[in-house]
Amino acid sequence: KGDEFKCVYCGRMVDDQPYGTRHRN
């Protein structure tokens, strides 16, 4: 929880688990 990844298109950092979801796609 709280990990981030870099977007493959725009390059922004993205939280992988917003709003209680298991993972962001």
PDB file of all heavy atoms in Angstrom:
ATOM      1  N   LYS A   1       0.842  -1.189   0.000  1.00  0.00           N
ATOM      2  CA  LYS A   1       0.000   0.000   0.000  1.00  0.00           C
ATOM      3  C   LYS A   1       0.881   1.243   0.000  1.00  0.00           C
ATOM      4  O   LYS A   1       1.842   1.355   0.727  1.00  0.00           O
ATOM      5  CB  LYS A   1      -0.924   0.013   1.208  1.00  0.00           C
ATOM      6  CG  LYS A   1      -1.884   1.191   1.192  1.00  0.00           C
ATOM      7  CD  LYS A   1      -3.032   0.940   2.108  1.00  0.00           C
ATOM      8  CE  LYS A   1      -4.002   2.098   2.149  1.00  0.00           C
ATOM      9  NZ  LYS A   1      -4.552   2.486   0.893  1.00  0.00           N
ATOM     10  N   GLY A   2       0.533   2.185  -0.855  1.00  0.00           N
ATOM     11  CA  GLY A   2       1.278   3.424  -0.934  1.00  0.00           C
ATOM     12  C   GLY A   2       2.406   3.403  -1.949  1.00  0.00           C
ATOM     13  O   GLY A   2       3.088   4.393  -2.129  1.00  0.00           O
ATOM     14  N   ASP A   3       2.622   2.288  -2.647  1.00  0.00           N
ATOM     15  CA  ASP A   3       3.644   2.247  -3.693  1.00  0.00           C
ATOM     16  C   ASP A   3       3.219   3.132  -4.858  1.00  0.00           C
ATOM     17  O   ASP A   3       2.043   3.387  -5.063  1.00  0.00           O
ATOM     18  CB  ASP A   3       3.854   0.820  -4.200  1.00  0.00           C
ATOM     19  CG  ASP A   3       4.691  -0.016  -3.260  1.00  0.00           C
ATOM     20  OD1 ASP A   3       5.281   0.549  -2.322  1.00  0.00           O
ATOM     21  OD2 ASP A   3       4.758  -1.233  -3.465  1.00  0.00           O
ATOM     22  N   GLU A   4       4.196   3.560  -5.613  1.00  0.00           N
ATOM     23  CA  GLU A   4       3.937   4.377  -6.779  1.00  0.00           C
ATOM     24  C   GLU A   4       4.611   3.753  -7.992  1.00  0.00           C
ATOM     25  O   GLU A   4       5.522   2.944  -7.864  1.00  0.00           O
ATOM     26  CB  GLU A   4       4.497   5.785  -6.585  1.00  0.00           C
ATOM     27  CG  GLU A   4       3.788   6.600  -5.536  1.00  0.00           C
ATOM     28  CD  GLU A   4       4.353   8.007  -5.443  1.00  0.00           C
ATOM     29  OE1 GLU A   4       5.587   8.174  -5.548  1.00  0.00           O
ATOM     30  OE2 GLU A   4       3.553   8.946  -5.272  1.00  0.00           O
ATOM     31  N   PHE A   5       4.112   4.121  -9.166  1.00  0.00           N
ATOM     32  CA  PHE A   5       4.769   3.735 -10.401  1.00  0.00           C
ATOM     33  C   PHE A   5       4.796   4.937 -11.323  1.00  0.00           C
ATOM     34  O   PHE A   5       4.023   5.875 -11.168  1.00  0.00           O
ATOM     35  CB  PHE A   5       4.095   2.531 -11.062  1.00  0.00           C
ATOM     36  CG  PHE A   5       2.669   2.780 -11.517  1.00  0.00           C
ATOM     37  CD1 PHE A   5       2.397   3.273 -12.785  1.00  0.00           C
ATOM     38  CD2 PHE A   5       1.605   2.489 -10.679  1.00  0.00           C
ATOM     39  CE1 PHE A   5       1.095   3.483 -13.206  1.00  0.00           C
ATOM     40  CE2 PHE A   5       0.298   2.692 -11.092  1.00  0.00           C
ATOM     41  CZ  PHE A   5       0.040   3.195 -12.355  1.00  0.00           C
ATOM     42  N   LYS A   6       5.699   4.916 -12.284  1.00  0.00           N
ATOM     43  CA  LYS A   6       5.816   5.993 -13.254  1.00  0.00           C
ATOM     44  C   LYS A   6       4.987   5.629 -14.482  1.00  0.00           C
ATOM     45  O   LYS A   6       5.123   4.533 -15.031  1.00  0.00           O
ATOM     46  CB  LYS A   6       7.282   6.188 -13.636  1.00  0.00           C
ATOM     47  CG  LYS A   6       7.526   7.379 -14.518  1.00  0.00           C
ATOM     48  CD  LYS A   6       9.023   7.570 -14.737  1.00  0.00           C
ATOM     49  CE  LYS A   6       9.280   8.788 -15.584  1.00  0.00           C
ATOM     50  NZ  LYS A   6      10.712   9.024 -15.780  1.00  0.00           N
ATOM     51  N   CYS A   7       4.128   6.541 -14.912  1.00  0.00           N
ATOM     52  CA  CYS A   7       3.286   6.309 -16.086  1.00  0.00           C
ATOM     53  C   CYS A   7       4.156   6.122 -17.321  1.00  0.00           C
ATOM     54  O   CYS A   7       5.091   6.885 -17.564  1.00  0.00           O
ATOM     55  CB  CYS A   7       2.332   7.482 -16.285  1.00  0.00           C
ATOM     56  SG  CYS A   7       1.333   7.352 -17.788  1.00  0.00           S
ATOM     57  N   VAL A   8       3.823   5.105 -18.119  1.00  0.00           N
ATOM     58  CA  VAL A   8       4.590   4.801 -19.330  1.00  0.00           C
ATOM     59  C   VAL A   8       4.367   5.832 -20.439  1.00  0.00           C
ATOM     60  O   VAL A   8       5.134   5.891 -21.387  1.00  0.00           O
ATOM     61  CB  VAL A   8       4.265   3.389 -19.890  1.00  0.00           C
ATOM     62  CG1 VAL A   8       4.666   2.309 -18.918  1.00  0.00           C
ATOM     63  CG2 VAL A   8       2.807   3.271 -20.279  1.00  0.00           C
ATOM     64  N   TYR A   9       3.315   6.644 -20.322  1.00  0.00           N
ATOM     65  CA  TYR A   9       3.006   7.611 -21.375  1.00  0.00           C
ATOM     66  C   TYR A   9       3.386   9.043 -20.984  1.00  0.00           C
ATOM     67  O   TYR A   9       4.163   9.682 -21.675  1.00  0.00           O
ATOM     68  CB  TYR A   9       1.518   7.525 -21.742  1.00  0.00           C
ATOM     69  CG  TYR A   9       1.151   8.372 -22.929  1.00  0.00           C
ATOM     70  CD1 TYR A   9       1.511   7.981 -24.205  1.00  0.00           C
ATOM     71  CD2 TYR A   9       0.451   9.558 -22.782  1.00  0.00           C
ATOM     72  CE1 TYR A   9       1.191   8.754 -25.311  1.00  0.00           C
ATOM     73  CE2 TYR A   9       0.124  10.339 -23.872  1.00  0.00           C
ATOM     74  CZ  TYR A   9       0.491   9.936 -25.131  1.00  0.00           C
ATOM     75  OH  TYR A   9       0.167  10.701 -26.222  1.00  0.00           O
ATOM     76  N   CYS A  10       2.844   9.537 -19.848  1.00  0.00           N
ATOM     77  CA  CYS A  10       3.086  10.938 -19.478  1.00  0.00           C
ATOM     78  C   CYS A  10       4.243  11.109 -18.493  1.00  0.00           C
ATOM     79  O   CYS A  10       4.704  12.218 -18.276  1.00  0.00           O
ATOM     80  CB  CYS A  10       1.829  11.588 -18.923  1.00  0.00           C
ATOM     81  SG  CYS A  10       1.333  11.036 -17.263  1.00  0.00           S
ATOM     82  N   GLY A  11       4.701  10.015 -17.882  1.00  0.00           N
ATOM     83  CA  GLY A  11       5.851  10.067 -16.991  1.00  0.00           C
ATOM     84  C   GLY A  11       5.570  10.525 -15.572  1.00  0.00           C
ATOM     85  O   GLY A  11       6.481  10.607 -14.758  1.00  0.00           O
ATOM     86  N   ARG A  12       4.316  10.801 -15.235  1.00  0.00           N
ATOM     87  CA  ARG A  12       3.987  11.224 -13.870  1.00  0.00           C
ATOM     88  C   ARG A  12       4.024  10.037 -12.915  1.00  0.00           C
ATOM     89  O   ARG A  12       3.768   8.901 -13.311  1.00  0.00           O
ATOM     90  CB  ARG A  12       2.603  11.856 -13.819  1.00  0.00           C
ATOM     91  CG  ARG A  12       2.507  13.170 -14.533  1.00  0.00           C
ATOM     92  CD  ARG A  12       1.146  13.773 -14.283  1.00  0.00           C
ATOM     93  NE  ARG A  12       0.951  14.974 -15.063  1.00  0.00           N
ATOM     94  CZ  ARG A  12      -0.148  15.694 -15.026  1.00  0.00           C
ATOM     95  NH1 ARG A  12      -1.163  15.331 -14.266  1.00  0.00           N
ATOM     96  NH2 ARG A  12      -0.264  16.773 -15.768  1.00  0.00           N
ATOM     97  N   MET A  13       4.300  10.324 -11.649  1.00  0.00           N
ATOM     98  CA  MET A  13       4.238   9.299 -10.615  1.00  0.00           C
ATOM     99  C   MET A  13       2.781   9.095 -10.208  1.00  0.00           C
ATOM    100  O   MET A  13       2.025  10.057 -10.067  1.00  0.00           O
ATOM    101  CB  MET A  13       5.085   9.689  -9.401  1.00  0.00           C
ATOM    102  CG  MET A  13       6.572   9.747  -9.709  1.00  0.00           C
ATOM    103  SD  MET A  13       7.241   8.234 -10.436  1.00  0.00           S
ATOM    104  CE  MET A  13       7.084   7.087  -9.088  1.00  0.00           C
ATOM    105  N   VAL A  14       2.378   7.823 -10.023  1.00  0.00           N
ATOM    106  CA  VAL A  14       0.983   7.466  -9.774  1.00  0.00           C
ATOM    107  C   VAL A  14       0.905   6.551  -8.555  1.00  0.00           C
ATOM    108  O   VAL A  14       1.641   5.567  -8.462  1.00  0.00           O
ATOM    109  CB  VAL A  14       0.391   6.728 -11.004  1.00  0.00           C
ATOM    110  CG1 VAL A  14      -1.031   6.289 -10.742  1.00  0.00           C
ATOM    111  CG2 VAL A  14       0.473   7.606 -12.239  1.00  0.00           C
ATOM    112  N   ASP A  15       0.003   6.872  -7.617  1.00  0.00           N
ATOM    113  CA  ASP A  15      -0.267   6.009  -6.467  1.00  0.00           C
ATOM    114  C   ASP A  15      -0.979   4.771  -6.982  1.00  0.00           C
ATOM    115  O   ASP A  15      -1.956   4.860  -7.709  1.00  0.00           O
ATOM    116  CB  ASP A  15      -1.139   6.750  -5.461  1.00  0.00           C
ATOM    117  CG  ASP A  15      -1.496   5.940  -4.220  1.00  0.00           C
ATOM    118  OD1 ASP A  15      -0.988   4.814  -4.065  1.00  0.00           O
ATOM    119  OD2 ASP A  15      -2.282   6.445  -3.409  1.00  0.00           O
ATOM    120  N   ASP A  16      -0.506   3.584  -6.602  1.00  0.00           N
ATOM    121  CA  ASP A  16      -1.083   2.356  -7.161  1.00  0.00           C
ATOM    122  C   ASP A  16      -2.335   1.877  -6.436  1.00  0.00           C
ATOM    123  O   ASP A  16      -2.974   0.948  -6.883  1.00  0.00           O
ATOM    124  CB  ASP A  16      -0.037   1.237  -7.211  1.00  0.00           C
ATOM    125  CG  ASP A  16       0.195   0.580  -5.870  1.00  0.00           C
ATOM    126  OD1 ASP A  16       0.104   1.279  -4.842  1.00  0.00           O
ATOM    127  OD2 ASP A  16       0.467  -0.630  -5.853  1.00  0.00           O
ATOM    128  N   GLN A  17      -2.713   2.473  -5.321  1.00  0.00           N
ATOM    129  CA  GLN A  17      -3.873   1.980  -4.572  1.00  0.00           C
ATOM    130  C   GLN A  17      -4.761   3.123  -4.080  1.00  0.00           C
ATOM    131  O   GLN A  17      -4.943   3.302  -2.884  1.00  0.00           O
ATOM    132  CB  GLN A  17      -3.412   1.137  -3.394  1.00  0.00           C
ATOM    133  CG  GLN A  17      -2.682  -0.101  -3.837  1.00  0.00           C
ATOM    134  CD  GLN A  17      -2.433  -1.045  -2.683  1.00  0.00           C
ATOM    135  OE1 GLN A  17      -3.149  -1.061  -1.705  1.00  0.00           O
ATOM    136  NE2 GLN A  17      -1.401  -1.852  -2.813  1.00  0.00           N
ATOM    137  N   PRO A  18      -5.364   3.894  -4.972  1.00  0.00           N
ATOM    138  CA  PRO A  18      -6.225   4.993  -4.540  1.00  0.00           C
ATOM    139  C   PRO A  18      -7.593   4.499  -4.089  1.00  0.00           C
ATOM    140  O   PRO A  18      -8.058   3.446  -4.531  1.00  0.00           O
ATOM    141  CB  PRO A  18      -6.359   5.836  -5.798  1.00  0.00           C
ATOM    142  CG  PRO A  18      -6.317   4.823  -6.886  1.00  0.00           C
ATOM    143  CD  PRO A  18      -5.320   3.777  -6.419  1.00  0.00           C
ATOM    144  N   TYR A  19      -8.215   5.234  -3.230  1.00  0.00           N
ATOM    145  CA  TYR A  19      -9.609   5.001  -2.847  1.00  0.00           C
ATOM    146  C   TYR A  19      -9.894   3.560  -2.423  1.00  0.00           C
ATOM    147  O   TYR A  19     -10.943   3.006  -2.726  1.00  0.00           O
ATOM    148  CB  TYR A  19     -10.559   5.400  -3.981  1.00  0.00           C
ATOM    149  CG  TYR A  19     -10.503   6.877  -4.284  1.00  0.00           C
ATOM    150  CD1 TYR A  19      -9.772   7.361  -5.359  1.00  0.00           C
ATOM    151  CD2 TYR A  19     -11.155   7.789  -3.479  1.00  0.00           C
ATOM    152  CE1 TYR A  19      -9.702   8.715  -5.624  1.00  0.00           C
ATOM    153  CE2 TYR A  19     -11.089   9.141  -3.732  1.00  0.00           C
ATOM    154  CZ  TYR A  19     -10.367   9.597  -4.806  1.00  0.00           C
ATOM    155  OH  TYR A  19     -10.302  10.932  -5.059  1.00  0.00           O
ATOM    156  N   GLY A  20      -8.946   2.892  -1.786  1.00  0.00           N
ATOM    157  CA  GLY A  20      -9.184   1.554  -1.256  1.00  0.00           C
ATOM    158  C   GLY A  20      -9.199   0.437  -2.272  1.00  0.00           C
ATOM    159  O   GLY A  20      -9.589  -0.676  -1.973  1.00  0.00           O
ATOM    160  N   THR A  21      -8.762   0.713  -3.514  1.00  0.00           N
ATOM    161  CA  THR A  21      -8.714  -0.359  -4.516  1.00  0.00           C
ATOM    162  C   THR A  21      -7.511  -1.240  -4.261  1.00  0.00           C
ATOM    163  O   THR A  21      -6.582  -0.861  -3.560  1.00  0.00           O
ATOM    164  CB  THR A  21      -8.624   0.222  -5.947  1.00  0.00           C
ATOM    165  OG1 THR A  21      -7.430   0.989  -6.043  1.00  0.00           O
ATOM    166  CG2 THR A  21      -9.817   1.094  -6.273  1.00  0.00           C
ATOM    167  N   ARG A  22      -7.503  -2.419  -4.830  1.00  0.00           N
ATOM    168  CA  ARG A  22      -6.381  -3.339  -4.640  1.00  0.00           C
ATOM    169  C   ARG A  22      -5.161  -2.932  -5.436  1.00  0.00           C
ATOM    170  O   ARG A  22      -4.040  -3.072  -5.003  1.00  0.00           O
ATOM    171  CB  ARG A  22      -6.795  -4.756  -5.015  1.00  0.00           C
ATOM    172  CG  ARG A  22      -7.799  -5.305  -4.048  1.00  0.00           C
ATOM    173  CD  ARG A  22      -7.953  -6.802  -4.228  1.00  0.00           C
ATOM    174  NE  ARG A  22      -8.972  -7.250  -3.308  1.00  0.00           N
ATOM    175  CZ  ARG A  22      -9.974  -8.010  -3.636  1.00  0.00           C
ATOM    176  NH1 ARG A  22     -10.097  -8.445  -4.871  1.00  0.00           N
ATOM    177  NH2 ARG A  22     -10.853  -8.371  -2.740  1.00  0.00           N
ATOM    178  N   HIS A  23      -5.376  -2.437  -6.628  1.00  0.00           N
ATOM    179  CA  HIS A  23      -4.273  -1.916  -7.438  1.00  0.00           C
ATOM    180  C   HIS A  23      -4.841  -1.088  -8.580  1.00  0.00           C
ATOM    181  O   HIS A  23      -5.942  -1.321  -9.047  1.00  0.00           O
ATOM    182  CB  HIS A  23      -3.400  -3.043  -7.998  1.00  0.00           C
ATOM    183  CG  HIS A  23      -4.117  -3.952  -8.944  1.00  0.00           C
ATOM    184  ND1 HIS A  23      -4.852  -5.026  -8.530  1.00  0.00           N
ATOM    185  CD2 HIS A  23      -4.227  -3.918 -10.293  1.00  0.00           C
ATOM    186  CE1 HIS A  23      -5.380  -5.635  -9.577  1.00  0.00           C
ATOM    187  NE2 HIS A  23      -5.021  -4.978 -10.654  1.00  0.00           N
ATOM    188  N   ARG A  24      -4.082  -0.106  -8.975  1.00  0.00           N
ATOM    189  CA  ARG A  24      -4.491   0.747 -10.089  1.00  0.00           C
ATOM    190  C   ARG A  24      -3.928   0.164 -11.371  1.00  0.00           C
ATOM    191  O   ARG A  24      -2.816  -0.335 -11.401  1.00  0.00           O
ATOM    192  CB  ARG A  24      -3.949   2.158  -9.892  1.00  0.00           C
ATOM    193  CG  ARG A  24      -4.260   3.063 -11.060  1.00  0.00           C
ATOM    194  CD  ARG A  24      -3.587   4.394 -10.926  1.00  0.00           C
ATOM    195  NE  ARG A  24      -4.134   5.192  -9.852  1.00  0.00           N
ATOM    196  CZ  ARG A  24      -5.292   5.857  -9.905  1.00  0.00           C
ATOM    197  NH1 ARG A  24      -6.041   5.784 -10.982  1.00  0.00           N
ATOM    198  NH2 ARG A  24      -5.691   6.579  -8.902  1.00  0.00           N
ATOM    199  N   ASN A  25      -4.699   0.244 -12.437  1.00  0.00           N
ATOM    200  CA  ASN A  25      -4.275  -0.294 -13.725  1.00  0.00           C
ATOM    201  C   ASN A  25      -3.906   0.764 -14.748  1.00  0.00           C
ATOM    202  O   ASN A  25      -3.419   0.427 -15.808  1.00  0.00           O
ATOM    203  CB  ASN A  25      -5.380  -1.172 -14.310  1.00  0.00           C
ATOM    204  CG  ASN A  25      -5.547  -2.448 -13.544  1.00  0.00           C
ATOM    205  OD1 ASN A  25      -4.570  -3.113 -13.255  1.00  0.00           O
ATOM    206  ND2 ASN A  25      -6.770  -2.789 -13.199  1.00  0.00           N
TER     207      ASN A  25
END
